[in-house]
Amino acid sequence: MAYWLFKSEPNTWGWDKQVAKGDVGEEWDGVRNYQARNFMRQMSVGDLGFFYHSVKEKRIVGVVEVCAECHPDSTTDDHRWECVDVKAVADVPNPVTLEQIKADPRLTEMALVKSSRLSVQPVTNEEWKIVCDLGGYTG
């Protein structure tokens, strides 16, 4: 299993909307960055990811699971763009802020710190464990 982080503006697609989709999940559509798309191409059903509210909140608020492998993005006719589907797994009991992540010396190499603008990014096994611990998520 691999771990990921999915960033979304809460006023565009927030955690509550993701949760409301239930087990059906939703396409992680609209990604127009080749590196982020390529990360989605590497994902497998069952991979887990952090759901990160960007812009003003800048915090991890939930955990999602990849429920459909990479396929054409339904929001465009441009064949270059693909996406996965994700479904909500659980809230993070104590949302983990970007400030907390940046302050933790164990997370200085995390993609969220190094490539903050990338909307889909990998998370290492060790980073996953640390952030889960910080957020009180025992999943």
C-alpha atoms as a PDB file:
ATOM      1  CA  MET A   1       0.000   0.000   0.000  1.00  0.00           C
ATOM      2  CA  ALA A   2       1.107   3.526  -0.776  1.00  0.00           C
ATOM      3  CA  TYR A   3       0.168   6.779   0.928  1.00  0.00           C
ATOM      4  CA  TRP A   4      -0.755  10.115  -0.626  1.00  0.00           C
ATOM      5  CA  LEU A   5      -1.993  13.610   0.130  1.00  0.00           C
ATOM      6  CA  PHE A   6      -4.868  15.233  -1.785  1.00  0.00           C
ATOM      7  CA  LYS A   7      -5.259  18.996  -1.529  1.00  0.00           C
ATOM      8  CA  SER A   8      -8.530  20.803  -2.086  1.00  0.00           C
ATOM      9  CA  GLU A   9      -9.903  24.243  -1.427  1.00  0.00           C
ATOM     10  CA  PRO A  10     -12.644  23.696   1.152  1.00  0.00           C
ATOM     11  CA  ASN A  11     -15.009  26.153  -0.533  1.00  0.00           C
ATOM     12  CA  THR A  12     -14.661  24.233  -3.831  1.00  0.00           C
ATOM     13  CA  TRP A  13     -14.577  20.612  -2.601  1.00  0.00           C
ATOM     14  CA  GLY A  14     -14.436  20.249   1.140  1.00  0.00           C
ATOM     15  CA  TRP A  15     -14.250  17.302   3.476  1.00  0.00           C
ATOM     16  CA  ASP A  16     -18.005  17.433   4.190  1.00  0.00           C
ATOM     17  CA  LYS A  17     -18.768  16.990   0.477  1.00  0.00           C
ATOM     18  CA  GLN A  18     -16.308  14.107   0.265  1.00  0.00           C
ATOM     19  CA  VAL A  19     -17.920  12.385   3.261  1.00  0.00           C
ATOM     20  CA  ALA A  20     -21.385  12.894   1.750  1.00  0.00           C
ATOM     21  CA  LYS A  21     -20.362  10.844  -1.302  1.00  0.00           C
ATOM     22  CA  GLY A  22     -20.165   7.739   0.898  1.00  0.00           C
ATOM     23  CA  ASP A  23     -18.628   4.518  -0.374  1.00  0.00           C
ATOM     24  CA  VAL A  24     -19.245   5.513  -3.994  1.00  0.00           C
ATOM     25  CA  GLY A  25     -16.566   8.180  -3.663  1.00  0.00           C
ATOM     26  CA  GLU A  26     -15.826  10.864  -6.191  1.00  0.00           C
ATOM     27  CA  GLU A  27     -13.392  11.561  -8.995  1.00  0.00           C
ATOM     28  CA  TRP A  28     -10.387  13.607  -7.942  1.00  0.00           C
ATOM     29  CA  ASP A  29     -10.926  15.619 -11.094  1.00  0.00           C
ATOM     30  CA  GLY A  30      -9.676  18.918 -12.410  1.00  0.00           C
ATOM     31  CA  VAL A  31      -5.981  18.229 -11.803  1.00  0.00           C
ATOM     32  CA  ARG A  32      -4.006  19.957 -14.550  1.00  0.00           C
ATOM     33  CA  ASN A  33      -0.458  19.321 -13.460  1.00  0.00           C
ATOM     34  CA  TYR A  34       1.542  16.534 -15.076  1.00  0.00           C
ATOM     35  CA  GLN A  35       3.412  15.545 -11.927  1.00  0.00           C
ATOM     36  CA  ALA A  36       0.184  15.293  -9.902  1.00  0.00           C
ATOM     37  CA  ARG A  37      -1.452  13.303 -12.717  1.00  0.00           C
ATOM     38  CA  ASN A  38       1.537  10.961 -12.848  1.00  0.00           C
ATOM     39  CA  PHE A  39       1.247  10.352  -9.111  1.00  0.00           C
ATOM     40  CA  MET A  40      -2.410   9.360  -9.642  1.00  0.00           C
ATOM     41  CA  ARG A  41      -1.273   6.923 -12.348  1.00  0.00           C
ATOM     42  CA  GLN A  42       0.849   5.199  -9.675  1.00  0.00           C
ATOM     43  CA  MET A  43      -2.074   4.724  -7.273  1.00  0.00           C
ATOM     44  CA  SER A  44      -3.806   1.428  -6.601  1.00  0.00           C
ATOM     45  CA  VAL A  45      -7.241   0.703  -5.193  1.00  0.00           C
ATOM     46  CA  GLY A  46      -6.870   0.572  -1.416  1.00  0.00           C
ATOM     47  CA  ASP A  47      -4.098   3.171  -1.184  1.00  0.00           C
ATOM     48  CA  LEU A  48      -4.798   5.744   1.537  1.00  0.00           C
ATOM     49  CA  GLY A  49      -4.411   9.494   1.466  1.00  0.00           C
ATOM     50  CA  PHE A  50      -4.736  12.524   3.644  1.00  0.00           C
ATOM     51  CA  PHE A  51      -7.476  14.993   2.693  1.00  0.00           C
ATOM     52  CA  TYR A  52      -5.938  18.445   3.051  1.00  0.00           C
ATOM     53  CA  HIS A  53      -7.896  21.697   3.154  1.00  0.00           C
ATOM     54  CA  SER A  54      -5.718  24.250   1.377  1.00  0.00           C
ATOM     55  CA  VAL A  55      -5.796  28.045   1.114  1.00  0.00           C
ATOM     56  CA  LYS A  56      -6.962  29.528   4.432  1.00  0.00           C
ATOM     57  CA  GLU A  57      -7.237  26.385   6.596  1.00  0.00           C
ATOM     58  CA  LYS A  58      -4.027  24.587   5.552  1.00  0.00           C
ATOM     59  CA  ARG A  59      -4.694  21.429   7.527  1.00  0.00           C
ATOM     60  CA  ILE A  60      -5.226  17.696   7.151  1.00  0.00           C
ATOM     61  CA  VAL A  61      -8.821  16.981   8.096  1.00  0.00           C
ATOM     62  CA  GLY A  62      -9.519  13.440   6.920  1.00  0.00           C
ATOM     63  CA  VAL A  63      -8.348  10.173   5.425  1.00  0.00           C
ATOM     64  CA  VAL A  64      -9.483   8.926   2.015  1.00  0.00           C
ATOM     65  CA  GLU A  65      -9.047   5.649   0.170  1.00  0.00           C
ATOM     66  CA  VAL A  66      -8.476   5.231  -3.559  1.00  0.00           C
ATOM     67  CA  CYS A  67     -11.577   3.351  -4.776  1.00  0.00           C
ATOM     68  CA  ALA A  68     -10.969   3.462  -8.556  1.00  0.00           C
ATOM     69  CA  GLU A  69      -7.658   3.434 -10.388  1.00  0.00           C
ATOM     70  CA  CYS A  70      -6.608   6.124 -12.823  1.00  0.00           C
ATOM     71  CA  HIS A  71      -9.071   6.757 -15.663  1.00  0.00           C
ATOM     72  CA  PRO A  72      -9.944   9.652 -18.000  1.00  0.00           C
ATOM     73  CA  ASP A  73     -11.034  12.794 -16.145  1.00  0.00           C
ATOM     74  CA  SER A  74     -14.718  13.282 -16.951  1.00  0.00           C
ATOM     75  CA  THR A  75     -14.434  17.073 -16.679  1.00  0.00           C
ATOM     76  CA  THR A  76     -12.444  17.393 -19.918  1.00  0.00           C
ATOM     77  CA  ASP A  77     -12.232  15.939 -23.415  1.00  0.00           C
ATOM     78  CA  ASP A  78      -8.448  16.321 -23.328  1.00  0.00           C
ATOM     79  CA  HIS A  79      -7.071  12.777 -23.175  1.00  0.00           C
ATOM     80  CA  ARG A  80      -3.950  13.912 -21.288  1.00  0.00           C
ATOM     81  CA  TRP A  81      -5.840  14.365 -18.031  1.00  0.00           C
ATOM     82  CA  GLU A  82      -6.708  11.442 -15.812  1.00  0.00           C
ATOM     83  CA  CYS A  83      -7.779  10.978 -12.221  1.00  0.00           C
ATOM     84  CA  VAL A  84      -8.566   8.430  -9.535  1.00  0.00           C
ATOM     85  CA  ASP A  85     -11.709   8.149  -7.441  1.00  0.00           C
ATOM     86  CA  VAL A  86     -11.468   8.486  -3.667  1.00  0.00           C
ATOM     87  CA  LYS A  87     -13.868   7.821  -0.821  1.00  0.00           C
ATOM     88  CA  ALA A  88     -13.826   9.149   2.723  1.00  0.00           C
ATOM     89  CA  VAL A  89     -12.561   6.735   5.379  1.00  0.00           C
ATOM     90  CA  ALA A  90     -12.480   8.796   8.573  1.00  0.00           C
ATOM     91  CA  ASP A  91     -12.076  12.227  10.073  1.00  0.00           C
ATOM     92  CA  VAL A  92      -8.696  13.065  11.549  1.00  0.00           C
ATOM     93  CA  PRO A  93      -9.713  13.585  15.207  1.00  0.00           C
ATOM     94  CA  ASN A  94      -7.285  16.491  15.679  1.00  0.00           C
ATOM     95  CA  PRO A  95      -6.707  18.157  12.304  1.00  0.00           C
ATOM     96  CA  VAL A  96      -2.993  18.576  11.623  1.00  0.00           C
ATOM     97  CA  THR A  97      -1.995  22.039  10.425  1.00  0.00           C
ATOM     98  CA  LEU A  98       0.723  22.924   7.961  1.00  0.00           C
ATOM     99  CA  GLU A  99       2.298  24.922  10.776  1.00  0.00           C
ATOM    100  CA  GLN A 100       2.534  21.767  12.932  1.00  0.00           C
ATOM    101  CA  ILE A 101       4.025  19.800  10.045  1.00  0.00           C
ATOM    102  CA  LYS A 102       6.628  22.462   9.299  1.00  0.00           C
ATOM    103  CA  ALA A 103       7.534  22.659  12.994  1.00  0.00           C
ATOM    104  CA  ASP A 104       8.183  18.919  13.279  1.00  0.00           C
ATOM    105  CA  PRO A 105      11.836  18.149  12.421  1.00  0.00           C
ATOM    106  CA  ARG A 106      10.850  14.617  11.355  1.00  0.00           C
ATOM    107  CA  LEU A 107       8.743  16.055   8.507  1.00  0.00           C
ATOM    108  CA  THR A 108      11.175  18.527   6.902  1.00  0.00           C
ATOM    109  CA  GLU A 109      11.413  16.381   3.756  1.00  0.00           C
ATOM    110  CA  MET A 110       7.656  15.883   3.364  1.00  0.00           C
ATOM    111  CA  ALA A 111       6.384  16.874  -0.089  1.00  0.00           C
ATOM    112  CA  LEU A 112       3.819  19.154   1.562  1.00  0.00           C
ATOM    113  CA  VAL A 113       6.728  21.196   2.926  1.00  0.00           C
ATOM    114  CA  LYS A 114       8.966  20.959  -0.153  1.00  0.00           C
ATOM    115  CA  SER A 115       6.353  21.140  -2.975  1.00  0.00           C
ATOM    116  CA  SER A 116       3.558  23.024  -1.301  1.00  0.00           C
ATOM    117  CA  ARG A 117       1.722  23.912  -4.522  1.00  0.00           C
ATOM    118  CA  LEU A 118       1.363  20.332  -5.800  1.00  0.00           C
ATOM    119  CA  SER A 119      -2.258  19.186  -5.395  1.00  0.00           C
ATOM    120  CA  VAL A 120      -1.555  15.448  -5.300  1.00  0.00           C
ATOM    121  CA  GLN A 121       1.630  14.216  -3.659  1.00  0.00           C
ATOM    122  CA  PRO A 122       3.217  11.120  -2.153  1.00  0.00           C
ATOM    123  CA  VAL A 123       3.579  10.559   1.581  1.00  0.00           C
ATOM    124  CA  THR A 124       6.199   8.136   2.898  1.00  0.00           C
ATOM    125  CA  ASN A 125       5.295   5.357   5.341  1.00  0.00           C
ATOM    126  CA  GLU A 126       7.181   7.150   8.125  1.00  0.00           C
ATOM    127  CA  GLU A 127       5.499  10.514   7.358  1.00  0.00           C
ATOM    128  CA  TRP A 128       2.116   8.758   7.357  1.00  0.00           C
ATOM    129  CA  LYS A 129       2.734   7.308  10.827  1.00  0.00           C
ATOM    130  CA  ILE A 130       3.956  10.630  12.238  1.00  0.00           C
ATOM    131  CA  VAL A 131       1.020  12.658  10.882  1.00  0.00           C
ATOM    132  CA  CYS A 132      -1.485  10.022  12.005  1.00  0.00           C
ATOM    133  CA  ASP A 133       0.030  10.196  15.490  1.00  0.00           C
ATOM    134  CA  LEU A 134      -0.115  14.010  15.496  1.00  0.00           C
ATOM    135  CA  GLY A 135      -3.761  13.899  14.443  1.00  0.00           C
ATOM    136  CA  GLY A 136      -4.843  11.100  16.756  1.00  0.00           C
ATOM    137  CA  TYR A 137      -5.854   8.896  13.819  1.00  0.00           C
ATOM    138  CA  THR A 138      -5.408   5.213  14.612  1.00  0.00           C
ATOM    139  CA  GLY A 139      -7.239   3.789  11.548  1.00  0.00           C
END
